[in-house]
Each structure stands twice: as C-alpha cells, then as structure tokens.
Amino acid sequence: MAIFPSTVGSLDEPYWTTDDGTSEGAVRVASAEALKGAVDYTPVVMTDQMKIVLQNAVAKALQGRETPKQPLDNAGARSDRLPRQS
C-alpha cells in the first residue's frame, strides 16, 4: 500500500521514523526523510483549470505515454493561455 503522511507533524510518528527491518519499512523511512526537505513549486496563482491541465500532464508522464518534459512544457504553454483569476 502506498501512502504518505497527511501532515508535517505525522513525520515525527514512529511509523515514519522507525525501520521495522522490511523493505517497506526502509522505503517508508527514506520517503518520510525526503519529504522533510520537499519544496512545493506550485505557482502562487494557479486556477482550477491550470491545476487540471498540470494534473493531466503529470499523469501522461507517469503513465509513460510521453516523456516528462513534453507534457509539462505543453501544460505550461496551455496554462499561460488560460484566463487568470483575480
């Protein structure tokens, strides 16, 4: 089961800090450590339409339907043409 902590405070829970000796435990602890340094690069102003465009682009890249660069470039160009919310 693939899950991530739902709050920053959750990262301090033993589930995320203690490796139980399994492969899953090692990955869980490593991923929680990586999340502590994560940066949110979402633009400050992003409309719902822009979010949908970006989500669809990321899905195409994750599904291997396109290389990561092309759908993200397309999403950026398409989002630039969408009306901005004030």
Protein backbone atom coordinates (compact mmCIF):
# COMPACT_ATOMS: atom_id res chain seq x y z
CA MET A 1 0.00 0.00 0.00
CA ALA A 2 1.46 3.37 -1.00
CA ILE A 3 0.69 6.12 1.49
CA PHE A 4 2.31 9.33 2.65
CA PRO A 5 1.81 11.25 5.88
CA SER A 6 -1.07 13.71 5.73
CA THR A 7 0.53 16.37 7.94
CA VAL A 8 4.04 17.61 8.64
CA GLY A 9 3.63 16.54 12.30
CA SER A 10 2.96 12.99 11.14
CA LEU A 11 6.57 12.72 10.00
CA ASP A 12 7.62 12.53 13.66
CA GLU A 13 5.48 9.44 14.34
CA PRO A 14 7.37 6.14 14.87
CA TYR A 15 5.64 4.65 11.83
CA TRP A 16 7.61 7.11 9.67
CA THR A 17 10.83 7.22 11.71
CA THR A 18 11.40 3.56 12.64
CA ASP A 19 12.62 0.98 10.11
CA ASP A 20 10.98 -2.34 11.01
CA GLY A 21 13.52 -4.36 9.04
CA THR A 22 11.30 -4.88 5.99
CA SER A 23 11.83 -3.41 2.54
CA GLU A 24 8.62 -1.45 3.02
CA GLY A 25 9.86 -0.08 6.34
CA ALA A 26 13.13 1.09 4.81
CA VAL A 27 11.33 2.81 1.94
CA ARG A 28 8.78 4.36 4.30
CA VAL A 29 11.51 5.90 6.50
CA ALA A 30 13.53 7.06 3.48
CA SER A 31 10.50 8.63 1.82
CA ALA A 32 9.49 10.41 5.03
CA GLU A 33 13.03 11.80 5.34
CA ALA A 34 12.88 13.00 1.73
CA LEU A 35 9.54 14.72 2.35
CA LYS A 36 11.07 16.82 5.14
CA GLY A 37 13.13 18.65 2.53
CA ALA A 38 10.42 18.78 -0.13
CA VAL A 39 9.63 22.08 -1.82
CA ASP A 40 6.23 22.99 -3.24
CA TYR A 41 6.84 24.59 -6.62
CA THR A 42 3.15 25.23 -7.33
CA PRO A 43 2.77 28.78 -8.62
CA VAL A 44 1.24 31.18 -6.14
CA VAL A 45 -1.62 31.96 -8.53
CA MET A 46 -2.99 28.82 -10.11
CA THR A 47 -6.57 28.49 -11.28
CA ASP A 48 -8.56 25.26 -11.06
CA GLN A 49 -8.24 24.92 -14.84
CA MET A 50 -4.45 25.23 -14.59
CA LYS A 51 -4.39 22.54 -11.88
CA ILE A 52 -6.36 20.17 -14.12
CA VAL A 53 -4.01 20.83 -17.05
CA LEU A 54 -0.99 20.14 -14.82
CA GLN A 55 -2.52 17.01 -13.28
CA ASN A 56 -3.27 15.62 -16.74
CA ALA A 57 0.28 16.37 -17.89
CA VAL A 58 1.80 14.64 -14.87
CA ALA A 59 -0.47 11.64 -15.44
CA LYS A 60 0.72 11.31 -19.06
CA ALA A 61 4.34 11.41 -17.92
CA LEU A 62 3.79 8.89 -15.11
CA GLN A 63 1.95 6.53 -17.46
CA GLY A 64 4.88 6.67 -19.87
CA ARG A 65 2.67 7.99 -22.65
CA GLU A 66 5.04 10.92 -23.13
CA THR A 67 8.46 11.91 -21.85
CA PRO A 68 8.24 14.03 -18.69
CA LYS A 69 9.45 17.21 -20.40
CA GLN A 70 6.94 17.36 -23.25
CA PRO A 71 3.63 17.20 -21.31
CA LEU A 72 4.94 19.64 -18.72
CA ASP A 73 6.03 22.08 -21.44
CA ASN A 74 2.61 21.69 -23.05
CA ALA A 75 0.86 22.23 -19.71
CA GLY A 76 2.85 25.41 -19.11
CA ALA A 77 2.04 26.78 -22.54
CA ARG A 78 -1.62 25.84 -22.21
CA SER A 79 -1.89 27.32 -18.72
CA ASP A 80 -0.39 30.58 -19.97
CA ARG A 81 -3.33 30.88 -22.37
CA LEU A 82 -5.99 30.31 -19.69
CA PRO A 83 -7.70 33.32 -18.10
CA ARG A 84 -6.27 34.30 -14.72
CA GLN A 85 -8.38 34.55 -11.60
CA SER A 86 -8.04 37.74 -9.57
